[in-house]
């Protein structure tokens, strides 16, 4: 049995299914709230940048994004390691 949770998200007006671990869903919801976006709007922005991450998987892009977002938000970080670190560009 997988610990990943399948959810449907609207991405660019189309329903898309993503399977993520609960911690990533929680983090994605927190980031969307912090950035004043819906999860769907945030996922749409990420989907537009999937190719920049050298992946064809939105789920993988979300995992990388969540990690880099919180890494960039860590006190004492001198540089942003990922262009996607700020959602509300």
PDB file of N, CA and C in Angstrom:
ATOM      1  N   UNK A   1       0.842  -1.183   0.000  1.00  0.00           N
ATOM      2  CA  UNK A   1       0.000   0.000   0.000  1.00  0.00           C
ATOM      3  C   UNK A   1       0.887   1.246   0.000  1.00  0.00           C
ATOM      4  N   UNK A   2       0.602   2.168  -0.888  1.00  0.00           N
ATOM      5  CA  UNK A   2       1.384   3.396  -1.016  1.00  0.00           C
ATOM      6  C   UNK A   2       0.953   4.425   0.022  1.00  0.00           C
ATOM      7  N   UNK A   3       1.944   5.160   0.529  1.00  0.00           N
ATOM      8  CA  UNK A   3       1.615   6.235   1.467  1.00  0.00           C
ATOM      9  C   UNK A   3       1.337   7.540   0.726  1.00  0.00           C
ATOM     10  N   UNK A   4       1.393   7.491  -0.598  1.00  0.00           N
ATOM     11  CA  UNK A   4       1.116   8.675  -1.398  1.00  0.00           C
ATOM     12  C   UNK A   4      -0.387   8.825  -1.572  1.00  0.00           C
ATOM     13  N   UNK A   5      -0.811  10.071  -1.591  1.00  0.00           N
ATOM     14  CA  UNK A   5      -2.237  10.380  -1.707  1.00  0.00           C
ATOM     15  C   UNK A   5      -2.508  10.971  -3.090  1.00  0.00           C
ATOM     16  N   UNK A   6      -3.467  10.401  -3.802  1.00  0.00           N
ATOM     17  CA  UNK A   6      -3.842  10.883  -5.125  1.00  0.00           C
ATOM     18  C   UNK A   6      -4.903  11.961  -4.975  1.00  0.00           C
ATOM     19  N   UNK A   7      -4.653  13.098  -5.601  1.00  0.00           N
ATOM     20  CA  UNK A   7      -5.631  14.194  -5.604  1.00  0.00           C
ATOM     21  C   UNK A   7      -5.741  14.756  -7.012  1.00  0.00           C
ATOM     22  N   UNK A   8      -6.897  15.312  -7.282  1.00  0.00           N
ATOM     23  CA  UNK A   8      -7.109  16.019  -8.539  1.00  0.00           C
ATOM     24  C   UNK A   8      -6.883  17.503  -8.308  1.00  0.00           C
ATOM     25  N   UNK A   9      -6.180  18.127  -9.243  1.00  0.00           N
ATOM     26  CA  UNK A   9      -5.883  19.553  -9.184  1.00  0.00           C
ATOM     27  C   UNK A   9      -6.169  20.135 -10.559  1.00  0.00           C
ATOM     28  N   UNK A  10      -6.728  21.323 -10.581  1.00  0.00           N
ATOM     29  CA  UNK A  10      -6.923  22.016 -11.849  1.00  0.00           C
ATOM     30  C   UNK A  10      -5.618  22.709 -12.220  1.00  0.00           C
ATOM     31  N   UNK A  11      -5.102  22.380 -13.393  1.00  0.00           N
ATOM     32  CA  UNK A  11      -3.869  22.980 -13.893  1.00  0.00           C
ATOM     33  C   UNK A  11      -4.182  23.549 -15.264  1.00  0.00           C
ATOM     34  N   UNK A  12      -4.058  24.860 -15.375  1.00  0.00           N
ATOM     35  CA  UNK A  12      -4.360  25.554 -16.629  1.00  0.00           C
ATOM     36  C   UNK A  12      -5.764  25.200 -17.125  1.00  0.00           C
ATOM     37  N   UNK A  13      -6.712  25.117 -16.182  1.00  0.00           N
ATOM     38  CA  UNK A  13      -8.094  24.860 -16.546  1.00  0.00           C
ATOM     39  C   UNK A  13      -8.432  23.407 -16.822  1.00  0.00           C
ATOM     40  N   UNK A  14      -7.468  22.514 -16.644  1.00  0.00           N
ATOM     41  CA  UNK A  14      -7.711  21.086 -16.895  1.00  0.00           C
ATOM     42  C   UNK A  14      -7.458  20.291 -15.631  1.00  0.00           C
ATOM     43  N   UNK A  15      -8.292  19.306 -15.394  1.00  0.00           N
ATOM     44  CA  UNK A  15      -8.122  18.457 -14.216  1.00  0.00           C
ATOM     45  C   UNK A  15      -6.932  17.531 -14.417  1.00  0.00           C
ATOM     46  N   UNK A  16      -6.050  17.519 -13.439  1.00  0.00           N
ATOM     47  CA  UNK A  16      -4.854  16.691 -13.462  1.00  0.00           C
ATOM     48  C   UNK A  16      -4.757  15.945 -12.145  1.00  0.00           C
ATOM     49  N   UNK A  17      -4.360  14.703 -12.193  1.00  0.00           N
ATOM     50  CA  UNK A  17      -4.162  13.924 -10.981  1.00  0.00           C
ATOM     51  C   UNK A  17      -2.688  13.930 -10.612  1.00  0.00           C
ATOM     52  N   UNK A  18      -2.436  14.114  -9.319  1.00  0.00           N
ATOM     53  CA  UNK A  18      -1.062  14.040  -8.804  1.00  0.00           C
ATOM     54  C   UNK A  18      -1.060  13.146  -7.579  1.00  0.00           C
ATOM     55  N   UNK A  19      -0.013  12.365  -7.459  1.00  0.00           N
ATOM     56  CA  UNK A  19       0.158  11.494  -6.304  1.00  0.00           C
ATOM     57  C   UNK A  19       1.378  11.990  -5.535  1.00  0.00           C
ATOM     58  N   UNK A  20       1.121  12.511  -4.317  1.00  0.00           N
ATOM     59  CA  UNK A  20       2.177  13.031  -3.452  1.00  0.00           C
ATOM     60  C   UNK A  20       1.996  12.483  -2.039  1.00  0.00           C
ATOM     61  N   UNK A  21       3.080  12.438  -1.302  1.00  0.00           N
ATOM     62  CA  UNK A  21       3.021  12.079   0.101  1.00  0.00           C
ATOM     63  C   UNK A  21       2.257  13.174   0.850  1.00  0.00           C
ATOM     64  N   UNK A  22       1.553  12.814   1.938  1.00  0.00           N
ATOM     65  CA  UNK A  22       0.774  13.810   2.680  1.00  0.00           C
ATOM     66  C   UNK A  22       1.591  15.034   3.105  1.00  0.00           C
ATOM     67  N   UNK A  23       2.835  14.854   3.471  1.00  0.00           N
ATOM     68  CA  UNK A  23       3.669  16.000   3.884  1.00  0.00           C
ATOM     69  C   UNK A  23       3.848  16.987   2.742  1.00  0.00           C
ATOM     70  N   UNK A  24       3.956  16.495   1.510  1.00  0.00           N
ATOM     71  CA  UNK A  24       4.090  17.399   0.370  1.00  0.00           C
ATOM     72  C   UNK A  24       2.782  18.110   0.071  1.00  0.00           C
ATOM     73  N   UNK A  25       1.644  17.430   0.220  1.00  0.00           N
ATOM     74  CA  UNK A  25       0.363  18.112   0.046  1.00  0.00           C
ATOM     75  C   UNK A  25       0.216  19.224   1.077  1.00  0.00           C
ATOM     76  N   UNK A  26       0.565  18.917   2.331  1.00  0.00           N
ATOM     77  CA  UNK A  26       0.481  19.924   3.397  1.00  0.00           C
ATOM     78  C   UNK A  26       1.374  21.116   3.089  1.00  0.00           C
ATOM     79  N   UNK A  27       2.604  20.840   2.658  1.00  0.00           N
ATOM     80  CA  UNK A  27       3.554  21.908   2.345  1.00  0.00           C
ATOM     81  C   UNK A  27       3.073  22.741   1.157  1.00  0.00           C
ATOM     82  N   UNK A  28       2.537  22.080   0.137  1.00  0.00           N
ATOM     83  CA  UNK A  28       2.040  22.794  -1.036  1.00  0.00           C
ATOM     84  C   UNK A  28       0.892  23.725  -0.647  1.00  0.00           C
ATOM     85  N   UNK A  29      -0.003  23.255   0.209  1.00  0.00           N
ATOM     86  CA  UNK A  29      -1.108  24.087   0.680  1.00  0.00           C
ATOM     87  C   UNK A  29      -0.589  25.272   1.503  1.00  0.00           C
ATOM     88  N   UNK A  30       0.419  25.039   2.328  1.00  0.00           N
ATOM     89  CA  UNK A  30       1.002  26.122   3.121  1.00  0.00           C
ATOM     90  C   UNK A  30       1.667  27.170   2.235  1.00  0.00           C
ATOM     91  N   UNK A  31       2.405  26.723   1.235  1.00  0.00           N
ATOM     92  CA  UNK A  31       3.061  27.657   0.323  1.00  0.00           C
ATOM     93  C   UNK A  31       2.018  28.481  -0.429  1.00  0.00           C
ATOM     94  N   UNK A  32       0.999  27.823  -0.941  1.00  0.00           N
ATOM     95  CA  UNK A  32      -0.057  28.540  -1.674  1.00  0.00           C
ATOM     96  C   UNK A  32      -0.674  29.615  -0.785  1.00  0.00           C
ATOM     97  N   UNK A  33      -0.944  29.268   0.468  1.00  0.00           N
ATOM     98  CA  UNK A  33      -1.523  30.241   1.393  1.00  0.00           C
ATOM     99  C   UNK A  33      -0.560  31.409   1.631  1.00  0.00           C
ATOM    100  N   UNK A  34       0.716  31.094   1.865  1.00  0.00           N
ATOM    101  CA  UNK A  34       1.715  32.147   2.090  1.00  0.00           C
ATOM    102  C   UNK A  34       1.826  33.094   0.901  1.00  0.00           C
ATOM    103  N   UNK A  35       1.675  32.540  -0.303  1.00  0.00           N
ATOM    104  CA  UNK A  35       1.847  33.325  -1.530  1.00  0.00           C
ATOM    105  C   UNK A  35       0.546  33.932  -2.031  1.00  0.00           C
ATOM    106  N   UNK A  36      -0.549  33.694  -1.317  1.00  0.00           N
ATOM    107  CA  UNK A  36      -1.836  34.252  -1.717  1.00  0.00           C
ATOM    108  C   UNK A  36      -2.397  33.625  -2.972  1.00  0.00           C
ATOM    109  N   UNK A  37      -2.141  32.328  -3.150  1.00  0.00           N
ATOM    110  CA  UNK A  37      -2.591  31.600  -4.326  1.00  0.00           C
ATOM    111  C   UNK A  37      -3.425  30.404  -3.903  1.00  0.00           C
ATOM    112  N   UNK A  38      -4.177  29.877  -4.835  1.00  0.00           N
ATOM    113  CA  UNK A  38      -4.796  28.578  -4.610  1.00  0.00           C
ATOM    114  C   UNK A  38      -3.768  27.513  -4.978  1.00  0.00           C
ATOM    115  N   UNK A  39      -3.995  26.298  -4.507  1.00  0.00           N
ATOM    116  CA  UNK A  39      -3.103  25.198  -4.886  1.00  0.00           C
ATOM    117  C   UNK A  39      -3.134  25.024  -6.409  1.00  0.00           C
ATOM    118  N   UNK A  40      -4.298  25.170  -7.008  1.00  0.00           N
ATOM    119  CA  UNK A  40      -4.406  25.037  -8.467  1.00  0.00           C
ATOM    120  C   UNK A  40      -3.595  26.107  -9.191  1.00  0.00           C
ATOM    121  N   UNK A  41      -3.659  27.345  -8.725  1.00  0.00           N
ATOM    122  CA  UNK A  41      -2.893  28.417  -9.364  1.00  0.00           C
ATOM    123  C   UNK A  41      -1.396  28.169  -9.220  1.00  0.00           C
ATOM    124  N   UNK A  42      -0.978  27.716  -8.052  1.00  0.00           N
ATOM    125  CA  UNK A  42       0.433  27.418  -7.836  1.00  0.00           C
ATOM    126  C   UNK A  42       0.880  26.260  -8.722  1.00  0.00           C
ATOM    127  N   UNK A  43       0.064  25.219  -8.821  1.00  0.00           N
ATOM    128  CA  UNK A  43       0.412  24.084  -9.676  1.00  0.00           C
ATOM    129  C   UNK A  43       0.441  24.479 -11.149  1.00  0.00           C
ATOM    130  N   UNK A  44      -0.424  25.405 -11.544  1.00  0.00           N
ATOM    131  CA  UNK A  44      -0.388  25.893 -12.928  1.00  0.00           C
ATOM    132  C   UNK A  44       0.943  26.581 -13.206  1.00  0.00           C
ATOM    133  N   UNK A  45       1.404  27.412 -12.263  1.00  0.00           N
ATOM    134  CA  UNK A  45       2.708  28.071 -12.421  1.00  0.00           C
ATOM    135  C   UNK A  45       3.824  27.050 -12.490  1.00  0.00           C
ATOM    136  N   UNK A  46       3.753  26.037 -11.659  1.00  0.00           N
ATOM    137  CA  UNK A  46       4.790  25.007 -11.670  1.00  0.00           C
ATOM    138  C   UNK A  46       4.758  24.205 -12.963  1.00  0.00           C
ATOM    139  N   UNK A  47       3.569  23.902 -13.446  1.00  0.00           N
ATOM    140  CA  UNK A  47       3.447  23.145 -14.690  1.00  0.00           C
ATOM    141  C   UNK A  47       4.088  23.887 -15.855  1.00  0.00           C
ATOM    142  N   UNK A  48       4.013  25.216 -15.836  1.00  0.00           N
ATOM    143  CA  UNK A  48       4.628  26.024 -16.891  1.00  0.00           C
ATOM    144  C   UNK A  48       6.148  25.923 -16.854  1.00  0.00           C
ATOM    145  N   UNK A  49       6.691  25.517 -15.713  1.00  0.00           N
ATOM    146  CA  UNK A  49       8.143  25.457 -15.543  1.00  0.00           C
ATOM    147  C   UNK A  49       8.687  24.042 -15.441  1.00  0.00           C
ATOM    148  N   UNK A  50       7.862  23.050 -15.651  1.00  0.00           N
ATOM    149  CA  UNK A  50       8.298  21.657 -15.511  1.00  0.00           C
ATOM    150  C   UNK A  50       9.504  21.372 -16.394  1.00  0.00           C
ATOM    151  N   UNK A  51       9.500  21.861 -17.603  1.00  0.00           N
ATOM    152  CA  UNK A  51      10.615  21.605 -18.510  1.00  0.00           C
ATOM    153  C   UNK A  51      11.920  22.189 -17.982  1.00  0.00           C
ATOM    154  N   UNK A  52      11.857  23.297 -17.271  1.00  0.00           N
ATOM    155  CA  UNK A  52      13.060  23.914 -16.721  1.00  0.00           C
ATOM    156  C   UNK A  52      13.714  23.034 -15.656  1.00  0.00           C
ATOM    157  N   UNK A  53      12.948  22.128 -15.081  1.00  0.00           N
ATOM    158  CA  UNK A  53      13.488  21.226 -14.056  1.00  0.00           C
ATOM    159  C   UNK A  53      13.977  19.912 -14.646  1.00  0.00           C
ATOM    160  N   UNK A  54      13.978  19.799 -15.965  1.00  0.00           N
ATOM    161  CA  UNK A  54      14.391  18.573 -16.642  1.00  0.00           C
ATOM    162  C   UNK A  54      13.582  17.365 -16.181  1.00  0.00           C
ATOM    163  N   UNK A  55      12.307  17.559 -16.064  1.00  0.00           N
ATOM    164  CA  UNK A  55      11.412  16.465 -15.689  1.00  0.00           C
ATOM    165  C   UNK A  55      10.128  16.608 -16.489  1.00  0.00           C
ATOM    166  N   UNK A  56       9.440  15.521 -16.679  1.00  0.00           N
ATOM    167  CA  UNK A  56       8.137  15.610 -17.339  1.00  0.00           C
ATOM    168  C   UNK A  56       7.029  15.285 -16.348  1.00  0.00           C
ATOM    169  N   UNK A  57       7.364  15.263 -15.077  1.00  0.00           N
ATOM    170  CA  UNK A  57       6.418  14.907 -14.036  1.00  0.00           C
ATOM    171  C   UNK A  57       6.101  16.102 -13.156  1.00  0.00           C
ATOM    172  N   UNK A  58       4.842  16.492 -13.130  1.00  0.00           N
ATOM    173  CA  UNK A  58       4.430  17.588 -12.266  1.00  0.00           C
ATOM    174  C   UNK A  58       4.637  17.219 -10.801  1.00  0.00           C
ATOM    175  N   UNK A  59       4.381  15.970 -10.448  1.00  0.00           N
ATOM    176  CA  UNK A  59       4.589  15.538  -9.062  1.00  0.00           C
ATOM    177  C   UNK A  59       6.045  15.719  -8.648  1.00  0.00           C
ATOM    178  N   UNK A  60       6.961  15.347  -9.515  1.00  0.00           N
ATOM    179  CA  UNK A  60       8.381  15.537  -9.211  1.00  0.00           C
ATOM    180  C   UNK A  60       8.722  17.012  -9.101  1.00  0.00           C
ATOM    181  N   UNK A  61       8.169  17.818  -9.991  1.00  0.00           N
ATOM    182  CA  UNK A  61       8.422  19.262  -9.952  1.00  0.00           C
ATOM    183  C   UNK A  61       7.907  19.860  -8.650  1.00  0.00           C
ATOM    184  N   UNK A  62       6.754  19.385  -8.178  1.00  0.00           N
ATOM    185  CA  UNK A  62       6.206  19.882  -6.915  1.00  0.00           C
ATOM    186  C   UNK A  62       7.135  19.524  -5.764  1.00  0.00           C
ATOM    187  N   UNK A  63       7.634  18.307  -5.741  1.00  0.00           N
ATOM    188  CA  UNK A  63       8.538  17.908  -4.659  1.00  0.00           C
ATOM    189  C   UNK A  63       9.795  18.773  -4.632  1.00  0.00           C
ATOM    190  N   UNK A  64      10.383  19.004  -5.793  1.00  0.00           N
ATOM    191  CA  UNK A  64      11.589  19.840  -5.880  1.00  0.00           C
ATOM    192  C   UNK A  64      11.256  21.267  -5.449  1.00  0.00           C
ATOM    193  N   UNK A  65      10.145  21.783  -5.928  1.00  0.00           N
ATOM    194  CA  UNK A  65       9.738  23.138  -5.595  1.00  0.00           C
ATOM    195  C   UNK A  65       9.546  23.317  -4.086  1.00  0.00           C
ATOM    196  N   UNK A  66       8.829  22.393  -3.459  1.00  0.00           N
ATOM    197  CA  UNK A  66       8.576  22.480  -2.023  1.00  0.00           C
ATOM    198  C   UNK A  66       9.890  22.492  -1.256  1.00  0.00           C
ATOM    199  N   UNK A  67      10.796  21.606  -1.611  1.00  0.00           N
ATOM    200  CA  UNK A  67      12.093  21.545  -0.938  1.00  0.00           C
ATOM    201  C   UNK A  67      12.852  22.861  -1.106  1.00  0.00           C
ATOM    202  N   UNK A  68      12.917  23.369  -2.322  1.00  0.00           N
ATOM    203  CA  UNK A  68      13.657  24.597  -2.587  1.00  0.00           C
ATOM    204  C   UNK A  68      12.981  25.815  -1.962  1.00  0.00           C
ATOM    205  N   UNK A  69      11.667  25.821  -1.921  1.00  0.00           N
ATOM    206  CA  UNK A  69      10.944  26.940  -1.311  1.00  0.00           C
ATOM    207  C   UNK A  69      11.322  27.065   0.160  1.00  0.00           C
ATOM    208  N   UNK A  70      11.239  25.961   0.874  1.00  0.00           N
ATOM    209  CA  UNK A  70      11.539  26.013   2.300  1.00  0.00           C
ATOM    210  C   UNK A  70      13.034  26.136   2.560  1.00  0.00           C
ATOM    211  N   UNK A  71      13.856  25.603   1.675  1.00  0.00           N
ATOM    212  CA  UNK A  71      15.305  25.796   1.806  1.00  0.00           C
ATOM    213  C   UNK A  71      15.638  27.287   1.677  1.00  0.00           C
ATOM    214  N   UNK A  72      15.014  27.953   0.711  1.00  0.00           N
ATOM    215  CA  UNK A  72      15.256  29.388   0.503  1.00  0.00           C
ATOM    216  C   UNK A  72      14.723  30.212   1.672  1.00  0.00           C
ATOM    217  N   UNK A  73      13.699  29.710   2.348  1.00  0.00           N
ATOM    218  CA  UNK A  73      13.104  30.442   3.467  1.00  0.00           C
ATOM    219  C   UNK A  73      13.848  30.218   4.784  1.00  0.00           C
ATOM    220  N   UNK A  74      14.820  29.325   4.765  1.00  0.00           N
ATOM    221  CA  UNK A  74      15.571  29.018   5.981  1.00  0.00           C
ATOM    222  C   UNK A  74      16.455  30.203   6.352  1.00  0.00           C
ATOM    223  N   UNK A  75      16.381  30.666   7.589  1.00  0.00           N
ATOM    224  CA  UNK A  75      17.223  31.799   8.015  1.00  0.00           C
ATOM    225  C   UNK A  75      18.700  31.497   7.782  1.00  0.00           C
ATOM    226  N   UNK A  76      19.403  32.532   7.323  1.00  0.00           N
ATOM    227  CA  UNK A  76      20.837  32.394   7.098  1.00  0.00           C
ATOM    228  C   UNK A  76      21.213  31.974   5.701  1.00  0.00           C
ATOM    229  N   UNK A  77      20.225  31.691   4.864  1.00  0.00           N
ATOM    230  CA  UNK A  77      20.530  31.315   3.481  1.00  0.00           C
ATOM    231  C   UNK A  77      20.942  32.571   2.731  1.00  0.00           C
ATOM    232  N   UNK A  78      22.104  32.554   2.153  1.00  0.00           N
ATOM    233  CA  UNK A  78      22.638  33.718   1.446  1.00  0.00           C
ATOM    234  C   UNK A  78      22.201  33.772  -0.014  1.00  0.00           C
ATOM    235  N   UNK A  79      21.847  32.640  -0.558  1.00  0.00           N
ATOM    236  CA  UNK A  79      21.482  32.618  -1.970  1.00  0.00           C
ATOM    237  C   UNK A  79      20.313  31.687  -2.195  1.00  0.00           C
ATOM    238  N   UNK A  80      19.585  31.942  -3.244  1.00  0.00           N
ATOM    239  CA  UNK A  80      18.497  31.067  -3.647  1.00  0.00           C
ATOM    240  C   UNK A  80      19.078  30.075  -4.633  1.00  0.00           C
ATOM    241  N   UNK A  81      18.868  28.802  -4.378  1.00  0.00           N
ATOM    242  CA  UNK A  81      19.466  27.770  -5.207  1.00  0.00           C
ATOM    243  C   UNK A  81      18.595  27.349  -6.380  1.00  0.00           C
ATOM    244  N   UNK A  82      17.362  27.821  -6.399  1.00  0.00           N
ATOM    245  CA  UNK A  82      16.433  27.409  -7.443  1.00  0.00           C
ATOM    246  C   UNK A  82      15.634  28.620  -7.901  1.00  0.00           C
ATOM    247  N   UNK A  83      15.532  28.796  -9.202  1.00  0.00           N
ATOM    248  CA  UNK A  83      14.788  29.948  -9.730  1.00  0.00           C
ATOM    249  C   UNK A  83      13.331  29.929  -9.286  1.00  0.00           C
ATOM    250  N   UNK A  84      12.804  28.778  -8.967  1.00  0.00           N
ATOM    251  CA  UNK A  84      11.395  28.656  -8.613  1.00  0.00           C
ATOM    252  C   UNK A  84      11.145  28.907  -7.135  1.00  0.00           C
ATOM    253  N   UNK A  85      12.126  29.359  -6.392  1.00  0.00           N
ATOM    254  CA  UNK A  85      11.993  29.493  -4.944  1.00  0.00           C
ATOM    255  C   UNK A  85      10.919  30.492  -4.514  1.00  0.00           C
ATOM    256  N   UNK A  86      10.576  31.425  -5.370  1.00  0.00           N
ATOM    257  CA  UNK A  86       9.546  32.403  -5.025  1.00  0.00           C
ATOM    258  C   UNK A  86       8.384  32.200  -5.985  1.00  0.00           C
ATOM    259  N   UNK A  87       7.231  31.849  -5.418  1.00  0.00           N
ATOM    260  CA  UNK A  87       6.089  31.506  -6.253  1.00  0.00           C
ATOM    261  C   UNK A  87       5.426  32.721  -6.878  1.00  0.00           C
ATOM    262  N   UNK A  88       5.399  33.822  -6.184  1.00  0.00           N
ATOM    263  CA  UNK A  88       4.637  34.981  -6.639  1.00  0.00           C
ATOM    264  C   UNK A  88       5.513  35.950  -7.423  1.00  0.00           C
ATOM    265  N   UNK A  89       6.134  35.442  -8.474  1.00  0.00           N
ATOM    266  CA  UNK A  89       6.986  36.299  -9.316  1.00  0.00           C
ATOM    267  C   UNK A  89       6.128  37.192 -10.171  1.00  0.00           C
TER     268      UNK A  89
END
